[in-house]
Amino acid sequence: MELKGLHHVSAITANAQENFKFYTEVLGLRLVKKTVNQDDISVYHLFYGDEKGSPGTEVTFFEIPMAGRNRDGNNSISALSLRVPSDAALDYWQERLGQYGIKLGEITDRGGRLTLFFRDPEGQRLILVSDENNQGVAGGRPWAKGPVPSEYAIAGLGPVHLTVENAAPTAAVLEQLLGFRRRGAYPSDVPGQPDVIVFETGQGGSGAEVHVEERNDLPPEHLGRGGVHHVAFRVDNEEELKQWIERLRSANLPNSGFVDRFYFRSLYFREPGGILFELATDGPGFDTDEPADRLGESLALPPFLEPKRSQIEEMLKPLDTRQ
């Protein structure tokens, strides 16, 4: 068994309407599913991605209206990356984001790729990463109706950045349990700190990497709006997912067991630093209950929640998701 790469990353927002505006109107992603958090049906769960929400392109958000601001720290998914086609695309994004008043860093080489760090309006830490010289897992197909020209548009998830107090236990889970390979390292953005370790899986490349930074000078993260809840990795199919469940059980690692999310099947567990990992199947996909050309236009509920539709709609604040 081998994980294919990144599947999705799920984060927290306190304002679904403003979140929708930023990720579709500014970043140019497509809202591919407007649904609810299956573990708390009183709040939205929004999925953004490429034109069809392909695995490896999805950034998702739980809306928690009263969530306090994320307090950055250790044992966290401290940044997520978004792939753009070229180095020139970073120049485009530097200008575009600046026009919207977004707080930006400088274009910087991280591990042999040019990158651009910025924060969304709620403080979410994001890194645009150039695929100029990237090899490995292919990106998605950007939404043609989005506001960003295709030659600059976001094509999927890039490396996920983990910050932990002690890198060794996390590295052991990645390598010995999940089958990641250690590809190299690059200097931390913080002088005097250990190098960031790069792990890859599957075909490799920016869509299949986890970057682990050891920081023993930070307090634990306090998760809130602008923070990342979990990262999911791609499993080919349901049968393989069941094999992963048995593998985790054999390793005596506590886990959720099989979870049916309707759009994909999942397994959840925490690595030694407490960061939540998910393994998720590539299918069935987001066009299971909506036509591909109408994705995200209405509130979609999996069959097991349909009997509660009236109750759910009464709890949710109306959300304008016209794209």
C-alpha atoms as a PDB file:
ATOM      1  CA  MET A   1       0.000   0.000   0.000  1.00  0.00           C
ATOM      2  CA  GLU A   2       1.164   3.510  -0.775  1.00  0.00           C
ATOM      3  CA  LEU A   3      -0.570   6.811  -0.111  1.00  0.00           C
ATOM      4  CA  LYS A   4      -0.986   8.779  -3.347  1.00  0.00           C
ATOM      5  CA  GLY A   5      -0.438  12.260  -1.912  1.00  0.00           C
ATOM      6  CA  LEU A   6      -2.470  14.996  -0.272  1.00  0.00           C
ATOM      7  CA  HIS A   7      -6.264  14.661  -0.443  1.00  0.00           C
ATOM      8  CA  HIS A   8      -7.573  17.749   1.369  1.00  0.00           C
ATOM      9  CA  VAL A   9      -6.900  20.093   4.252  1.00  0.00           C
ATOM     10  CA  SER A  10      -9.704  21.230   6.591  1.00  0.00           C
ATOM     11  CA  ALA A  11      -9.546  24.506   8.480  1.00  0.00           C
ATOM     12  CA  ILE A  12     -11.771  26.731  10.630  1.00  0.00           C
ATOM     13  CA  THR A  13     -13.558  29.957   9.730  1.00  0.00           C
ATOM     14  CA  ALA A  14     -15.821  32.117  11.870  1.00  0.00           C
ATOM     15  CA  ASN A  15     -17.578  33.692   8.868  1.00  0.00           C
ATOM     16  CA  ALA A  16     -18.659  31.444   5.995  1.00  0.00           C
ATOM     17  CA  GLN A  17     -19.827  34.322   3.792  1.00  0.00           C
ATOM     18  CA  GLU A  18     -16.551  36.229   3.964  1.00  0.00           C
ATOM     19  CA  ASN A  19     -14.617  32.985   3.641  1.00  0.00           C
ATOM     20  CA  PHE A  20     -16.528  32.162   0.460  1.00  0.00           C
ATOM     21  CA  LYS A  21     -15.819  35.596  -1.005  1.00  0.00           C
ATOM     22  CA  PHE A  22     -12.085  35.374  -0.361  1.00  0.00           C
ATOM     23  CA  TYR A  23     -11.486  31.832  -1.596  1.00  0.00           C
ATOM     24  CA  THR A  24     -13.606  32.211  -4.739  1.00  0.00           C
ATOM     25  CA  GLU A  25     -13.334  35.897  -5.669  1.00  0.00           C
ATOM     26  CA  VAL A  26      -9.730  36.527  -4.612  1.00  0.00           C
ATOM     27  CA  LEU A  27      -8.052  33.111  -4.852  1.00  0.00           C
ATOM     28  CA  GLY A  28     -10.227  31.918  -7.735  1.00  0.00           C
ATOM     29  CA  LEU A  29     -11.094  28.492  -6.338  1.00  0.00           C
ATOM     30  CA  ARG A  30     -14.441  26.895  -7.090  1.00  0.00           C
ATOM     31  CA  LEU A  31     -16.907  26.096  -4.328  1.00  0.00           C
ATOM     32  CA  VAL A  32     -17.551  22.441  -5.150  1.00  0.00           C
ATOM     33  CA  LYS A  33     -19.735  21.513  -2.175  1.00  0.00           C
ATOM     34  CA  LYS A  34     -21.855  23.460   0.276  1.00  0.00           C
ATOM     35  CA  THR A  35     -22.829  21.045   3.015  1.00  0.00           C
ATOM     36  CA  VAL A  36     -22.697  20.714   6.807  1.00  0.00           C
ATOM     37  CA  ASN A  37     -20.197  19.330   9.270  1.00  0.00           C
ATOM     38  CA  GLN A  38     -21.399  15.755   9.638  1.00  0.00           C
ATOM     39  CA  ASP A  39     -20.240  15.756  13.272  1.00  0.00           C
ATOM     40  CA  ASP A  40     -22.066  19.039  14.028  1.00  0.00           C
ATOM     41  CA  ILE A  41     -24.937  19.604  11.586  1.00  0.00           C
ATOM     42  CA  SER A  42     -25.581  23.118  12.892  1.00  0.00           C
ATOM     43  CA  VAL A  43     -22.594  24.533  10.978  1.00  0.00           C
ATOM     44  CA  TYR A  44     -21.499  24.733   7.355  1.00  0.00           C
ATOM     45  CA  HIS A  45     -18.737  22.697   5.793  1.00  0.00           C
ATOM     46  CA  LEU A  46     -17.495  24.355   2.599  1.00  0.00           C
ATOM     47  CA  PHE A  47     -15.259  22.597   0.059  1.00  0.00           C
ATOM     48  CA  TYR A  48     -13.164  24.546  -2.471  1.00  0.00           C
ATOM     49  CA  GLY A  49     -11.047  23.048  -5.224  1.00  0.00           C
ATOM     50  CA  ASP A  50     -10.438  22.789  -8.940  1.00  0.00           C
ATOM     51  CA  GLU A  51     -13.235  22.548 -11.519  1.00  0.00           C
ATOM     52  CA  LYS A  52     -14.585  19.288 -10.065  1.00  0.00           C
ATOM     53  CA  GLY A  53     -13.040  19.145  -6.595  1.00  0.00           C
ATOM     54  CA  SER A  54     -10.426  16.577  -7.539  1.00  0.00           C
ATOM     55  CA  PRO A  55      -8.593  14.834  -4.686  1.00  0.00           C
ATOM     56  CA  GLY A  56      -5.442  16.812  -3.975  1.00  0.00           C
ATOM     57  CA  THR A  57      -7.044  20.179  -4.750  1.00  0.00           C
ATOM     58  CA  GLU A  58      -9.501  20.574  -1.876  1.00  0.00           C
ATOM     59  CA  VAL A  59      -9.341  23.195   0.872  1.00  0.00           C
ATOM     60  CA  THR A  60     -12.310  22.862   3.221  1.00  0.00           C
ATOM     61  CA  PHE A  61     -13.662  24.969   6.075  1.00  0.00           C
ATOM     62  CA  PHE A  62     -15.871  24.314   9.072  1.00  0.00           C
ATOM     63  CA  GLU A  63     -17.766  27.441  10.078  1.00  0.00           C
ATOM     64  CA  ILE A  64     -17.652  27.987  13.844  1.00  0.00           C
ATOM     65  CA  PRO A  65     -19.142  31.482  14.278  1.00  0.00           C
ATOM     66  CA  MET A  66     -17.944  32.044  17.860  1.00  0.00           C
ATOM     67  CA  ALA A  67     -14.442  30.658  17.333  1.00  0.00           C
ATOM     68  CA  GLY A  68     -11.676  32.753  18.849  1.00  0.00           C
ATOM     69  CA  ARG A  69      -8.575  33.602  16.863  1.00  0.00           C
ATOM     70  CA  ASN A  70      -6.086  30.783  16.372  1.00  0.00           C
ATOM     71  CA  ARG A  71      -3.082  31.034  18.685  1.00  0.00           C
ATOM     72  CA  ASP A  72      -0.177  29.749  16.614  1.00  0.00           C
ATOM     73  CA  GLY A  73       2.193  27.272  18.180  1.00  0.00           C
ATOM     74  CA  ASN A  74       3.502  23.751  18.355  1.00  0.00           C
ATOM     75  CA  ASN A  75       1.808  20.455  17.505  1.00  0.00           C
ATOM     76  CA  SER A  76      -0.004  22.056  14.615  1.00  0.00           C
ATOM     77  CA  ILE A  77      -0.560  22.160  10.896  1.00  0.00           C
ATOM     78  CA  SER A  78       1.161  25.517  10.763  1.00  0.00           C
ATOM     79  CA  ALA A  79       0.730  26.317   7.064  1.00  0.00           C
ATOM     80  CA  LEU A  80      -0.858  24.876   3.954  1.00  0.00           C
ATOM     81  CA  SER A  81       0.378  25.421   0.410  1.00  0.00           C
ATOM     82  CA  LEU A  82      -1.399  26.059  -2.868  1.00  0.00           C
ATOM     83  CA  ARG A  83       0.247  25.184  -6.194  1.00  0.00           C
ATOM     84  CA  VAL A  84       0.570  27.694  -9.034  1.00  0.00           C
ATOM     85  CA  PRO A  85       1.988  26.871 -12.480  1.00  0.00           C
ATOM     86  CA  SER A  86       5.186  28.897 -12.597  1.00  0.00           C
ATOM     87  CA  ASP A  87       7.579  31.363 -11.017  1.00  0.00           C
ATOM     88  CA  ALA A  88       5.926  34.100 -13.084  1.00  0.00           C
ATOM     89  CA  ALA A  89       2.601  33.236 -11.456  1.00  0.00           C
ATOM     90  CA  LEU A  90       4.045  34.270  -8.095  1.00  0.00           C
ATOM     91  CA  ASP A  91       4.718  37.763  -9.464  1.00  0.00           C
ATOM     92  CA  TYR A  92       1.083  37.905 -10.594  1.00  0.00           C
ATOM     93  CA  TRP A  93      -0.134  36.814  -7.170  1.00  0.00           C
ATOM     94  CA  GLN A  94       2.139  39.216  -5.339  1.00  0.00           C
ATOM     95  CA  GLU A  95       0.505  42.069  -7.226  1.00  0.00           C
ATOM     96  CA  ARG A  96      -3.041  40.663  -7.017  1.00  0.00           C
ATOM     97  CA  LEU A  97      -2.977  39.985  -3.299  1.00  0.00           C
ATOM     98  CA  GLY A  98      -1.364  43.353  -2.649  1.00  0.00           C
ATOM     99  CA  GLN A  99      -4.262  45.035  -4.432  1.00  0.00           C
ATOM    100  CA  TYR A 100      -6.640  43.387  -1.966  1.00  0.00           C
ATOM    101  CA  GLY A 101      -4.592  44.577   1.005  1.00  0.00           C
ATOM    102  CA  ILE A 102      -3.448  41.070   1.954  1.00  0.00           C
ATOM    103  CA  LYS A 103      -0.445  40.806   4.278  1.00  0.00           C
ATOM    104  CA  LEU A 104       2.388  39.280   2.224  1.00  0.00           C
ATOM    105  CA  GLY A 105       5.903  38.009   2.652  1.00  0.00           C
ATOM    106  CA  GLU A 106       8.596  38.077  -0.006  1.00  0.00           C
ATOM    107  CA  ILE A 107       9.017  35.531  -2.790  1.00  0.00           C
ATOM    108  CA  THR A 108      11.379  33.014  -1.146  1.00  0.00           C
ATOM    109  CA  ASP A 109      13.068  29.740  -2.044  1.00  0.00           C
ATOM    110  CA  ARG A 110      11.856  26.910   0.192  1.00  0.00           C
ATOM    111  CA  GLY A 111      13.329  23.508  -0.529  1.00  0.00           C
ATOM    112  CA  GLY A 112      14.210  24.346  -4.140  1.00  0.00           C
ATOM    113  CA  ARG A 113      10.883  25.953  -5.085  1.00  0.00           C
ATOM    114  CA  LEU A 114       9.915  29.615  -5.133  1.00  0.00           C
ATOM    115  CA  THR A 115       7.128  30.405  -2.685  1.00  0.00           C
ATOM    116  CA  LEU A 116       5.035  33.337  -1.454  1.00  0.00           C
ATOM    117  CA  PHE A 117       3.699  33.410   2.113  1.00  0.00           C
ATOM    118  CA  PHE A 118       0.523  35.287   3.026  1.00  0.00           C
ATOM    119  CA  ARG A 119      -2.395  35.181   5.461  1.00  0.00           C
ATOM    120  CA  ASP A 120      -6.079  35.220   4.630  1.00  0.00           C
ATOM    121  CA  PRO A 121      -8.337  37.794   6.369  1.00  0.00           C
ATOM    122  CA  GLU A 122      -8.730  35.527   9.416  1.00  0.00           C
ATOM    123  CA  GLY A 123      -5.001  34.872   9.738  1.00  0.00           C
ATOM    124  CA  GLN A 124      -4.895  31.502   7.970  1.00  0.00           C
ATOM    125  CA  ARG A 125      -1.262  30.790   7.017  1.00  0.00           C
ATOM    126  CA  LEU A 126      -0.970  30.064   3.293  1.00  0.00           C
ATOM    127  CA  ILE A 127       1.986  29.542   0.970  1.00  0.00           C
ATOM    128  CA  LEU A 128       1.773  29.770  -2.806  1.00  0.00           C
ATOM    129  CA  VAL A 129       4.330  27.370  -4.291  1.00  0.00           C
ATOM    130  CA  SER A 130       5.608  27.434  -7.868  1.00  0.00           C
ATOM    131  CA  ASP A 131       5.401  24.238  -9.923  1.00  0.00           C
ATOM    132  CA  GLU A 132       7.943  25.624 -12.404  1.00  0.00           C
ATOM    133  CA  ASN A 133      10.347  22.722 -11.867  1.00  0.00           C
ATOM    134  CA  ASN A 134       8.020  20.331 -10.068  1.00  0.00           C
ATOM    135  CA  GLN A 135       7.807  16.668 -10.932  1.00  0.00           C
ATOM    136  CA  GLY A 136       5.444  14.130  -9.435  1.00  0.00           C
ATOM    137  CA  VAL A 137       1.720  14.153  -8.698  1.00  0.00           C
ATOM    138  CA  ALA A 138      -0.121  16.234 -11.297  1.00  0.00           C
ATOM    139  CA  GLY A 139      -2.146  19.263 -10.262  1.00  0.00           C
ATOM    140  CA  GLY A 140      -5.823  19.743 -10.972  1.00  0.00           C
ATOM    141  CA  ARG A 141      -7.577  21.720 -13.683  1.00  0.00           C
ATOM    142  CA  PRO A 142      -8.456  25.241 -12.450  1.00  0.00           C
ATOM    143  CA  TRP A 143     -12.047  26.376 -12.773  1.00  0.00           C
ATOM    144  CA  ALA A 144     -12.412  28.066 -16.172  1.00  0.00           C
ATOM    145  CA  LYS A 145     -15.136  30.435 -14.914  1.00  0.00           C
ATOM    146  CA  GLY A 146     -12.987  31.761 -12.078  1.00  0.00           C
ATOM    147  CA  PRO A 147     -11.552  35.280 -11.943  1.00  0.00           C
ATOM    148  CA  VAL A 148      -7.878  34.266 -12.309  1.00  0.00           C
ATOM    149  CA  PRO A 149      -6.316  33.595 -15.757  1.00  0.00           C
ATOM    150  CA  SER A 150      -5.537  29.902 -16.220  1.00  0.00           C
ATOM    151  CA  GLU A 151      -1.794  30.531 -16.679  1.00  0.00           C
ATOM    152  CA  TYR A 152      -1.661  31.851 -13.089  1.00  0.00           C
ATOM    153  CA  ALA A 153      -4.493  29.936 -11.403  1.00  0.00           C
ATOM    154  CA  ILE A 154      -4.190  27.693  -8.354  1.00  0.00           C
ATOM    155  CA  ALA A 155      -4.024  24.033  -9.399  1.00  0.00           C
ATOM    156  CA  GLY A 156      -4.213  22.235  -6.062  1.00  0.00           C
ATOM    157  CA  LEU A 157      -2.584  21.623  -2.711  1.00  0.00           C
ATOM    158  CA  GLY A 158       1.140  21.899  -2.206  1.00  0.00           C
ATOM    159  CA  PRO A 159       3.201  20.747   0.790  1.00  0.00           C
ATOM    160  CA  VAL A 160       1.556  20.760   4.200  1.00  0.00           C
ATOM    161  CA  HIS A 161       3.735  22.232   6.945  1.00  0.00           C
ATOM    162  CA  LEU A 162       3.737  20.649  10.418  1.00  0.00           C
ATOM    163  CA  THR A 163       5.349  22.278  13.462  1.00  0.00           C
ATOM    164  CA  VAL A 164       6.141  19.935  16.359  1.00  0.00           C
ATOM    165  CA  GLU A 165       8.162  20.050  19.567  1.00  0.00           C
ATOM    166  CA  ASN A 166      10.055  16.875  18.711  1.00  0.00           C
ATOM    167  CA  ALA A 167      10.332  15.807  15.073  1.00  0.00           C
ATOM    168  CA  ALA A 168      11.452  12.214  15.693  1.00  0.00           C
ATOM    169  CA  PRO A 169       8.084  10.642  16.720  1.00  0.00           C
ATOM    170  CA  THR A 170       6.243  12.381  13.887  1.00  0.00           C
ATOM    171  CA  ALA A 171       8.909  11.280  11.415  1.00  0.00           C
ATOM    172  CA  ALA A 172       8.581   7.705  12.663  1.00  0.00           C
ATOM    173  CA  VAL A 173       4.844   7.650  11.958  1.00  0.00           C
ATOM    174  CA  LEU A 174       5.313   9.189   8.515  1.00  0.00           C
ATOM    175  CA  GLU A 175       8.097   6.821   7.506  1.00  0.00           C
ATOM    176  CA  GLN A 176       7.479   3.567   9.357  1.00  0.00           C
ATOM    177  CA  LEU A 177       3.680   3.509   9.451  1.00  0.00           C
ATOM    178  CA  LEU A 178       2.517   5.599   6.476  1.00  0.00           C
ATOM    179  CA  GLY A 179       5.400   4.804   4.139  1.00  0.00           C
ATOM    180  CA  PHE A 180       6.635   8.330   3.425  1.00  0.00           C
ATOM    181  CA  ARG A 181      10.204   8.774   2.189  1.00  0.00           C
ATOM    182  CA  ARG A 182      12.621  11.376   3.547  1.00  0.00           C
ATOM    183  CA  ARG A 183      13.551  13.545   0.552  1.00  0.00           C
ATOM    184  CA  GLY A 184      15.770  16.197   2.105  1.00  0.00           C
ATOM    185  CA  ALA A 185      15.679  19.347   4.208  1.00  0.00           C
ATOM    186  CA  TYR A 186      15.944  23.132   3.953  1.00  0.00           C
ATOM    187  CA  PRO A 187      16.620  25.977   6.415  1.00  0.00           C
ATOM    188  CA  SER A 188      13.893  27.151   8.760  1.00  0.00           C
ATOM    189  CA  ASP A 189      12.545  30.679   8.332  1.00  0.00           C
ATOM    190  CA  VAL A 190      13.567  31.220  11.970  1.00  0.00           C
ATOM    191  CA  PRO A 191      17.334  31.638  12.437  1.00  0.00           C
ATOM    192  CA  GLY A 192      18.936  29.136  14.801  1.00  0.00           C
ATOM    193  CA  GLN A 193      16.194  26.517  14.448  1.00  0.00           C
ATOM    194  CA  PRO A 194      16.685  23.024  12.966  1.00  0.00           C
ATOM    195  CA  ASP A 195      16.189  22.495   9.253  1.00  0.00           C
ATOM    196  CA  VAL A 196      12.701  21.676   7.975  1.00  0.00           C
ATOM    197  CA  ILE A 197      12.537  17.980   6.980  1.00  0.00           C
ATOM    198  CA  VAL A 198      10.791  17.071   3.711  1.00  0.00           C
ATOM    199  CA  PHE A 199       8.856  13.798   3.408  1.00  0.00           C
ATOM    200  CA  GLU A 200       7.148  12.553   0.248  1.00  0.00           C
ATOM    201  CA  THR A 201       4.840   9.721  -0.769  1.00  0.00           C
ATOM    202  CA  GLY A 202       3.481   8.193  -3.967  1.00  0.00           C
ATOM    203  CA  GLN A 203       4.837   9.836  -7.109  1.00  0.00           C
ATOM    204  CA  GLY A 204       6.299  12.624  -5.007  1.00  0.00           C
ATOM    205  CA  GLY A 205       6.335  16.295  -5.945  1.00  0.00           C
ATOM    206  CA  SER A 206       4.692  19.232  -4.224  1.00  0.00           C
ATOM    207  CA  GLY A 207       1.264  17.528  -4.162  1.00  0.00           C
ATOM    208  CA  ALA A 208       2.609  14.645  -2.101  1.00  0.00           C
ATOM    209  CA  GLU A 209       4.839  16.275   0.525  1.00  0.00           C
ATOM    210  CA  VAL A 210       4.758  16.928   4.254  1.00  0.00           C
ATOM    211  CA  HIS A 211       7.291  19.377   5.693  1.00  0.00           C
ATOM    212  CA  VAL A 212       8.112  18.925   9.395  1.00  0.00           C
ATOM    213  CA  GLU A 213       9.673  21.701  11.465  1.00  0.00           C
ATOM    214  CA  GLU A 214      10.930  21.125  14.995  1.00  0.00           C
ATOM    215  CA  ARG A 215      10.380  24.075  17.356  1.00  0.00           C
ATOM    216  CA  ASN A 216      10.929  23.535  21.077  1.00  0.00           C
ATOM    217  CA  ASP A 217      10.588  27.258  21.793  1.00  0.00           C
ATOM    218  CA  LEU A 218       6.819  27.516  21.195  1.00  0.00           C
ATOM    219  CA  PRO A 219       3.737  26.843  23.329  1.00  0.00           C
ATOM    220  CA  PRO A 220       1.141  24.384  22.007  1.00  0.00           C
ATOM    221  CA  GLU A 221      -1.224  25.793  19.402  1.00  0.00           C
ATOM    222  CA  HIS A 222      -4.717  26.796  20.545  1.00  0.00           C
ATOM    223  CA  LEU A 223      -6.965  25.991  17.580  1.00  0.00           C
ATOM    224  CA  GLY A 224      -9.420  28.651  16.424  1.00  0.00           C
ATOM    225  CA  ARG A 225     -10.439  30.637  13.375  1.00  0.00           C
ATOM    226  CA  GLY A 226      -7.514  30.856  10.997  1.00  0.00           C
ATOM    227  CA  GLY A 227      -6.204  27.467  12.137  1.00  0.00           C
ATOM    228  CA  VAL A 228      -6.069  24.086  10.397  1.00  0.00           C
ATOM    229  CA  HIS A 229      -8.107  21.219  11.848  1.00  0.00           C
ATOM    230  CA  HIS A 230      -6.618  18.255   9.956  1.00  0.00           C
ATOM    231  CA  VAL A 231      -4.838  17.051   6.835  1.00  0.00           C
ATOM    232  CA  ALA A 232      -6.029  14.114   4.716  1.00  0.00           C
ATOM    233  CA  PHE A 233      -3.956  11.830   2.502  1.00  0.00           C
ATOM    234  CA  ARG A 234      -5.153  10.015  -0.619  1.00  0.00           C
ATOM    235  CA  VAL A 235      -6.070   6.335  -0.587  1.00  0.00           C
ATOM    236  CA  ASP A 236      -6.983   4.766  -3.919  1.00  0.00           C
ATOM    237  CA  ASN A 237     -10.182   2.960  -2.912  1.00  0.00           C
ATOM    238  CA  GLU A 238     -12.335   1.594  -0.107  1.00  0.00           C
ATOM    239  CA  GLU A 239     -10.704  -1.832  -0.039  1.00  0.00           C
ATOM    240  CA  GLU A 240      -7.295  -0.253   0.462  1.00  0.00           C
ATOM    241  CA  LEU A 241      -8.701   1.984   3.203  1.00  0.00           C
ATOM    242  CA  LYS A 242      -9.828  -1.120   5.092  1.00  0.00           C
ATOM    243  CA  GLN A 243      -6.295  -2.466   4.838  1.00  0.00           C
ATOM    244  CA  TRP A 244      -4.992   0.759   6.355  1.00  0.00           C
ATOM    245  CA  ILE A 245      -7.448   0.354   9.238  1.00  0.00           C
ATOM    246  CA  GLU A 246      -6.013  -3.077   9.954  1.00  0.00           C
ATOM    247  CA  ARG A 247      -2.484  -1.717   9.713  1.00  0.00           C
ATOM    248  CA  LEU A 248      -3.179   0.958  12.326  1.00  0.00           C
ATOM    249  CA  ARG A 249      -4.885  -1.552  14.598  1.00  0.00           C
ATOM    250  CA  SER A 250      -1.896  -3.887  14.302  1.00  0.00           C
ATOM    251  CA  ALA A 251       0.321  -0.982  15.360  1.00  0.00           C
ATOM    252  CA  ASN A 252      -1.983  -0.378  18.375  1.00  0.00           C
ATOM    253  CA  LEU A 253      -2.606   3.179  17.210  1.00  0.00           C
ATOM    254  CA  PRO A 254      -6.031   4.484  18.300  1.00  0.00           C
ATOM    255  CA  ASN A 255      -8.163   5.456  15.305  1.00  0.00           C
ATOM    256  CA  SER A 256     -11.712   6.123  14.212  1.00  0.00           C
ATOM    257  CA  GLY A 257     -12.139   3.006  12.133  1.00  0.00           C
ATOM    258  CA  PHE A 258     -14.155   3.234   8.908  1.00  0.00           C
ATOM    259  CA  VAL A 259     -16.125   6.482   8.469  1.00  0.00           C
ATOM    260  CA  ASP A 260     -18.527   7.038   5.559  1.00  0.00           C
ATOM    261  CA  ARG A 261     -18.434  10.703   4.477  1.00  0.00           C
ATOM    262  CA  PHE A 262     -20.535   9.873   1.383  1.00  0.00           C
ATOM    263  CA  TYR A 263     -18.295  11.871  -0.984  1.00  0.00           C
ATOM    264  CA  PHE A 264     -15.346   9.762   0.205  1.00  0.00           C
ATOM    265  CA  ARG A 265     -14.604   7.154   2.896  1.00  0.00           C
ATOM    266  CA  SER A 266     -12.271   8.024   5.741  1.00  0.00           C
ATOM    267  CA  LEU A 267     -10.119   6.968   8.658  1.00  0.00           C
ATOM    268  CA  TYR A 268      -8.884   9.379  11.370  1.00  0.00           C
ATOM    269  CA  PHE A 269      -6.021   9.153  13.871  1.00  0.00           C
ATOM    270  CA  ARG A 270      -3.548  11.421  15.665  1.00  0.00           C
ATOM    271  CA  GLU A 271       0.201  11.313  15.265  1.00  0.00           C
ATOM    272  CA  PRO A 272       2.359  11.519  18.441  1.00  0.00           C
ATOM    273  CA  GLY A 273       2.278  15.335  18.546  1.00  0.00           C
ATOM    274  CA  GLY A 274      -1.519  15.307  18.524  1.00  0.00           C
ATOM    275  CA  ILE A 275      -1.989  16.476  14.926  1.00  0.00           C
ATOM    276  CA  LEU A 276      -5.073  14.929  13.326  1.00  0.00           C
ATOM    277  CA  PHE A 277      -4.443  12.874  10.182  1.00  0.00           C
ATOM    278  CA  GLU A 278      -7.113  11.493   7.877  1.00  0.00           C
ATOM    279  CA  LEU A 279      -6.834   8.866   5.159  1.00  0.00           C
ATOM    280  CA  ALA A 280      -9.518   9.432   2.502  1.00  0.00           C
ATOM    281  CA  THR A 281     -10.510   7.584  -0.664  1.00  0.00           C
ATOM    282  CA  ASP A 282     -10.412   9.294  -4.047  1.00  0.00           C
ATOM    283  CA  GLY A 283     -14.089   8.530  -4.693  1.00  0.00           C
ATOM    284  CA  PRO A 284     -17.021   8.515  -5.085  1.00  0.00           C
ATOM    285  CA  GLY A 285     -16.581  12.313  -5.602  1.00  0.00           C
ATOM    286  CA  PHE A 286     -18.588  15.511  -5.379  1.00  0.00           C
ATOM    287  CA  ASP A 287     -20.688  14.903  -8.493  1.00  0.00           C
ATOM    288  CA  THR A 288     -22.380  11.976  -6.738  1.00  0.00           C
ATOM    289  CA  ASP A 289     -25.400  14.105  -5.824  1.00  0.00           C
ATOM    290  CA  GLU A 290     -25.011  17.197  -8.023  1.00  0.00           C
ATOM    291  CA  PRO A 291     -24.281  17.683 -11.749  1.00  0.00           C
ATOM    292  CA  ALA A 292     -20.679  18.729 -12.381  1.00  0.00           C
ATOM    293  CA  ASP A 293     -21.805  22.081 -13.799  1.00  0.00           C
ATOM    294  CA  ARG A 294     -23.922  22.881 -10.711  1.00  0.00           C
ATOM    295  CA  LEU A 295     -21.523  21.963  -7.922  1.00  0.00           C
ATOM    296  CA  GLY A 296     -21.809  24.079  -4.772  1.00  0.00           C
ATOM    297  CA  GLU A 297     -24.931  25.958  -5.846  1.00  0.00           C
ATOM    298  CA  SER A 298     -27.303  24.532  -3.231  1.00  0.00           C
ATOM    299  CA  LEU A 299     -27.111  22.888   0.184  1.00  0.00           C
ATOM    300  CA  ALA A 300     -26.083  19.280  -0.398  1.00  0.00           C
ATOM    301  CA  LEU A 301     -26.755  16.656   2.243  1.00  0.00           C
ATOM    302  CA  PRO A 302     -25.718  12.999   2.200  1.00  0.00           C
ATOM    303  CA  PRO A 303     -28.637  10.555   2.216  1.00  0.00           C
ATOM    304  CA  PHE A 304     -28.323   9.842   5.954  1.00  0.00           C
ATOM    305  CA  LEU A 305     -28.938  13.558   6.698  1.00  0.00           C
ATOM    306  CA  GLU A 306     -31.746  14.187   4.199  1.00  0.00           C
ATOM    307  CA  PRO A 307     -34.485  13.341   6.731  1.00  0.00           C
ATOM    308  CA  LYS A 308     -33.164  16.245   8.844  1.00  0.00           C
ATOM    309  CA  ARG A 309     -33.031  18.774   5.976  1.00  0.00           C
ATOM    310  CA  SER A 310     -35.753  21.076   7.362  1.00  0.00           C
ATOM    311  CA  GLN A 311     -34.164  21.090  10.810  1.00  0.00           C
ATOM    312  CA  ILE A 312     -30.715  21.748   9.347  1.00  0.00           C
ATOM    313  CA  GLU A 313     -31.875  24.591   7.088  1.00  0.00           C
ATOM    314  CA  GLU A 314     -33.578  26.277  10.046  1.00  0.00           C
ATOM    315  CA  MET A 315     -30.300  26.229  12.022  1.00  0.00           C
ATOM    316  CA  LEU A 316     -28.081  27.586   9.229  1.00  0.00           C
ATOM    317  CA  LYS A 317     -27.661  31.247   8.412  1.00  0.00           C
ATOM    318  CA  PRO A 318     -28.449  31.839   4.705  1.00  0.00           C
ATOM    319  CA  LEU A 319     -25.279  31.831   2.605  1.00  0.00           C
ATOM    320  CA  ASP A 320     -25.070  33.462  -0.827  1.00  0.00           C
ATOM    321  CA  THR A 321     -22.765  31.230  -2.887  1.00  0.00           C
ATOM    322  CA  ARG A 322     -23.465  32.511  -6.372  1.00  0.00           C
ATOM    323  CA  GLN A 323     -20.219  32.252  -8.333  1.00  0.00           C
END
